[in-house]
């Protein structure tokens, strides 16, 4: 039982971090094309 609980916790943590990373990547891909329009000057600097 202990090993199963530990494995489930590890899998849940890993899947949670993978989901967070995937969401961050999606947000970056969605926002990056929009950012240069607003922050053209800051990117050139």
PDB file of N, CA and C in Angstrom:
ATOM      1  N   UNK A   1       0.831  -1.207   0.000  1.00  0.00           N
ATOM      2  CA  UNK A   1       0.000   0.000   0.000  1.00  0.00           C
ATOM      3  C   UNK A   1       0.868   1.261   0.000  1.00  0.00           C
ATOM      4  N   UNK A   2       1.934   1.242   0.817  1.00  0.00           N
ATOM      5  CA  UNK A   2       2.785   2.424   0.901  1.00  0.00           C
ATOM      6  C   UNK A   2       3.431   2.731  -0.450  1.00  0.00           C
ATOM      7  N   UNK A   3       3.956   1.688  -1.097  1.00  0.00           N
ATOM      8  CA  UNK A   3       4.609   1.904  -2.390  1.00  0.00           C
ATOM      9  C   UNK A   3       3.613   2.443  -3.411  1.00  0.00           C
ATOM     10  N   UNK A   4       2.409   1.903  -3.405  1.00  0.00           N
ATOM     11  CA  UNK A   4       1.398   2.365  -4.361  1.00  0.00           C
ATOM     12  C   UNK A   4       1.052   3.826  -4.109  1.00  0.00           C
ATOM     13  N   UNK A   5       0.900   4.194  -2.828  1.00  0.00           N
ATOM     14  CA  UNK A   5       0.583   5.588  -2.501  1.00  0.00           C
ATOM     15  C   UNK A   5       1.701   6.515  -2.962  1.00  0.00           C
ATOM     16  N   UNK A   6       2.957   6.113  -2.699  1.00  0.00           N
ATOM     17  CA  UNK A   6       4.105   6.939  -3.097  1.00  0.00           C
ATOM     18  C   UNK A   6       4.129   7.092  -4.622  1.00  0.00           C
ATOM     19  N   UNK A   7       3.913   5.985  -5.342  1.00  0.00           N
ATOM     20  CA  UNK A   7       3.938   6.049  -6.802  1.00  0.00           C
ATOM     21  C   UNK A   7       2.830   6.957  -7.327  1.00  0.00           C
ATOM     22  N   UNK A   8       1.638   6.855  -6.741  1.00  0.00           N
ATOM     23  CA  UNK A   8       0.519   7.701  -7.186  1.00  0.00           C
ATOM     24  C   UNK A   8       0.854   9.170  -6.943  1.00  0.00           C
ATOM     25  N   UNK A   9       1.435   9.464  -5.760  1.00  0.00           N
ATOM     26  CA  UNK A   9       1.800  10.852  -5.460  1.00  0.00           C
ATOM     27  C   UNK A   9       2.835  11.360  -6.463  1.00  0.00           C
ATOM     28  N   UNK A  10       3.844  10.538  -6.757  1.00  0.00           N
ATOM     29  CA  UNK A  10       4.881  10.952  -7.713  1.00  0.00           C
ATOM     30  C   UNK A  10       4.274  11.186  -9.091  1.00  0.00           C
ATOM     31  N   UNK A  11       3.411  10.276  -9.522  1.00  0.00           N
ATOM     32  CA  UNK A  11       2.793  10.411 -10.848  1.00  0.00           C
ATOM     33  C   UNK A  11       1.927  11.662 -10.894  1.00  0.00           C
ATOM     34  N   UNK A  12       1.183  11.911  -9.804  1.00  0.00           N
ATOM     35  CA  UNK A  12       0.335  13.110  -9.768  1.00  0.00           C
ATOM     36  C   UNK A  12       1.191  14.368  -9.849  1.00  0.00           C
ATOM     37  N   UNK A  13       2.304  14.404  -9.079  1.00  0.00           N
ATOM     38  CA  UNK A  13       3.187  15.571  -9.112  1.00  0.00           C
ATOM     39  C   UNK A  13       3.771  15.756 -10.510  1.00  0.00           C
ATOM     40  N   UNK A  14       4.249  14.665 -11.114  1.00  0.00           N
ATOM     41  CA  UNK A  14       4.866  14.751 -12.444  1.00  0.00           C
ATOM     42  C   UNK A  14       3.837  15.228 -13.465  1.00  0.00           C
ATOM     43  N   UNK A  15       2.637  14.637 -13.431  1.00  0.00           N
ATOM     44  CA  UNK A  15       1.602  15.030 -14.395  1.00  0.00           C
ATOM     45  C   UNK A  15       1.206  16.487 -14.171  1.00  0.00           C
ATOM     46  N   UNK A  16       1.178  16.922 -12.898  1.00  0.00           N
ATOM     47  CA  UNK A  16       0.842  18.318 -12.579  1.00  0.00           C
ATOM     48  C   UNK A  16       1.888  19.262 -13.165  1.00  0.00           C
ATOM     49  N   UNK A  17       3.171  18.925 -12.987  1.00  0.00           N
ATOM     50  CA  UNK A  17       4.238  19.778 -13.524  1.00  0.00           C
ATOM     51  C   UNK A  17       4.242  19.766 -15.052  1.00  0.00           C
ATOM     52  N   UNK A  18       3.960  18.600 -15.651  1.00  0.00           N
ATOM     53  CA  UNK A  18       3.897  18.521 -17.117  1.00  0.00           C
ATOM     54  C   UNK A  18       2.762  19.392 -17.635  1.00  0.00           C
ATOM     55  N   UNK A  19       1.618  19.352 -16.949  1.00  0.00           N
ATOM     56  CA  UNK A  19       0.478  20.180 -17.359  1.00  0.00           C
ATOM     57  C   UNK A  19       0.826  21.657 -17.229  1.00  0.00           C
ATOM     58  N   UNK A  20       1.487  22.034 -16.126  1.00  0.00           N
ATOM     59  CA  UNK A  20       1.884  23.432 -15.937  1.00  0.00           C
ATOM     60  C   UNK A  20       2.860  23.864 -17.026  1.00  0.00           C
ATOM     61  N   UNK A  21       3.854  23.024 -17.311  1.00  0.00           N
ATOM     62  CA  UNK A  21       4.821  23.353 -18.353  1.00  0.00           C
ATOM     63  C   UNK A  21       4.156  23.496 -19.712  1.00  0.00           C
ATOM     64  N   UNK A  22       3.212  22.599 -20.007  1.00  0.00           N
ATOM     65  CA  UNK A  22       2.498  22.667 -21.285  1.00  0.00           C
ATOM     66  C   UNK A  22       1.698  23.958 -21.382  1.00  0.00           C
ATOM     67  N   UNK A  23       1.022  24.336 -20.286  1.00  0.00           N
ATOM     68  CA  UNK A  23       0.246  25.580 -20.280  1.00  0.00           C
ATOM     69  C   UNK A  23       1.167  26.784 -20.465  1.00  0.00           C
ATOM     70  N   UNK A  24       2.329  26.767 -19.803  1.00  0.00           N
ATOM     71  CA  UNK A  24       3.274  27.873 -19.946  1.00  0.00           C
ATOM     72  C   UNK A  24       3.767  27.985 -21.385  1.00  0.00           C
ATOM     73  N   UNK A  25       4.081  26.846 -22.010  1.00  0.00           N
ATOM     74  CA  UNK A  25       4.545  26.858 -23.403  1.00  0.00           C
ATOM     75  C   UNK A  25       3.454  27.409 -24.313  1.00  0.00           C
ATOM     76  N   UNK A  26       2.218  26.977 -24.087  1.00  0.00           N
ATOM     77  CA  UNK A  26       1.101  27.467 -24.914  1.00  0.00           C
ATOM     78  C   UNK A  26       0.941  28.972 -24.731  1.00  0.00           C
ATOM     79  N   UNK A  27       1.011  29.440 -23.479  1.00  0.00           N
ATOM     80  CA  UNK A  27       0.873  30.875 -23.216  1.00  0.00           C
ATOM     81  C   UNK A  27       1.993  31.652 -23.900  1.00  0.00           C
ATOM     82  N   UNK A  28       3.226  31.128 -23.837  1.00  0.00           N
ATOM     83  CA  UNK A  28       4.361  31.811 -24.471  1.00  0.00           C
ATOM     84  C   UNK A  28       4.147  31.885 -25.984  1.00  0.00           C
ATOM     85  N   UNK A  29       3.726  30.760 -26.591  1.00  0.00           N
ATOM     86  CA  UNK A  29       3.516  30.751 -28.040  1.00  0.00           C
ATOM     87  C   UNK A  29       2.383  31.689 -28.440  1.00  0.00           C
ATOM     88  N   UNK A  30       1.363  31.809 -27.570  1.00  0.00           N
ATOM     89  CA  UNK A  30       0.225  32.689 -27.886  1.00  0.00           C
ATOM     90  C   UNK A  30       0.614  34.152 -27.700  1.00  0.00           C
ATOM     91  N   UNK A  31       1.385  34.446 -26.634  1.00  0.00           N
ATOM     92  CA  UNK A  31       1.661  35.840 -26.279  1.00  0.00           C
ATOM     93  C   UNK A  31       2.855  36.412 -27.040  1.00  0.00           C
ATOM     94  N   UNK A  32       3.844  35.586 -27.392  1.00  0.00           N
ATOM     95  CA  UNK A  32       5.059  36.120 -28.015  1.00  0.00           C
ATOM     96  C   UNK A  32       4.783  36.872 -29.318  1.00  0.00           C
ATOM     97  N   UNK A  33       3.898  36.391 -30.217  1.00  0.00           N
ATOM     98  CA  UNK A  33       3.589  37.178 -31.418  1.00  0.00           C
ATOM     99  C   UNK A  33       2.952  38.522 -31.093  1.00  0.00           C
ATOM    100  N   UNK A  34       2.272  38.626 -29.944  1.00  0.00           N
ATOM    101  CA  UNK A  34       1.603  39.877 -29.575  1.00  0.00           C
ATOM    102  C   UNK A  34       2.555  40.846 -28.879  1.00  0.00           C
ATOM    103  N   UNK A  35       3.576  40.308 -28.191  1.00  0.00           N
ATOM    104  CA  UNK A  35       4.456  41.162 -27.393  1.00  0.00           C
ATOM    105  C   UNK A  35       5.247  42.167 -28.234  1.00  0.00           C
ATOM    106  N   UNK A  36       5.872  41.773 -29.366  1.00  0.00           N
ATOM    107  CA  UNK A  36       6.684  42.741 -30.125  1.00  0.00           C
ATOM    108  C   UNK A  36       5.888  43.959 -30.573  1.00  0.00           C
ATOM    109  N   UNK A  37       4.579  43.820 -30.792  1.00  0.00           N
ATOM    110  CA  UNK A  37       3.756  44.955 -31.221  1.00  0.00           C
ATOM    111  C   UNK A  37       3.754  46.026 -30.131  1.00  0.00           C
ATOM    112  N   UNK A  38       3.634  45.596 -28.855  1.00  0.00           N
ATOM    113  CA  UNK A  38       3.582  46.552 -27.749  1.00  0.00           C
ATOM    114  C   UNK A  38       4.984  46.959 -27.291  1.00  0.00           C
ATOM    115  N   UNK A  39       5.925  46.009 -27.299  1.00  0.00           N
ATOM    116  CA  UNK A  39       7.244  46.243 -26.710  1.00  0.00           C
ATOM    117  C   UNK A  39       8.341  46.281 -27.783  1.00  0.00           C
ATOM    118  N   UNK A  40       8.067  46.902 -28.926  1.00  0.00           N
ATOM    119  CA  UNK A  40       9.071  46.993 -29.983  1.00  0.00           C
ATOM    120  C   UNK A  40      10.294  47.761 -29.499  1.00  0.00           C
ATOM    121  N   UNK A  41      10.065  48.888 -28.826  1.00  0.00           N
ATOM    122  CA  UNK A  41      11.173  49.739 -28.409  1.00  0.00           C
ATOM    123  C   UNK A  41      12.025  49.036 -27.355  1.00  0.00           C
ATOM    124  N   UNK A  42      11.376  48.375 -26.388  1.00  0.00           N
ATOM    125  CA  UNK A  42      12.125  47.706 -25.322  1.00  0.00           C
ATOM    126  C   UNK A  42      12.950  46.553 -25.898  1.00  0.00           C
ATOM    127  N   UNK A  43      12.426  45.842 -26.917  1.00  0.00           N
ATOM    128  CA  UNK A  43      13.180  44.748 -27.526  1.00  0.00           C
ATOM    129  C   UNK A  43      14.383  45.294 -28.300  1.00  0.00           C
ATOM    130  N   UNK A  44      14.225  46.439 -28.972  1.00  0.00           N
ATOM    131  CA  UNK A  44      15.346  47.024 -29.710  1.00  0.00           C
ATOM    132  C   UNK A  44      16.418  47.526 -28.752  1.00  0.00           C
ATOM    133  N   UNK A  45      16.006  48.064 -27.609  1.00  0.00           N
ATOM    134  CA  UNK A  45      16.965  48.550 -26.625  1.00  0.00           C
ATOM    135  C   UNK A  45      17.709  47.341 -26.049  1.00  0.00           C
TER     136      UNK A  45
END
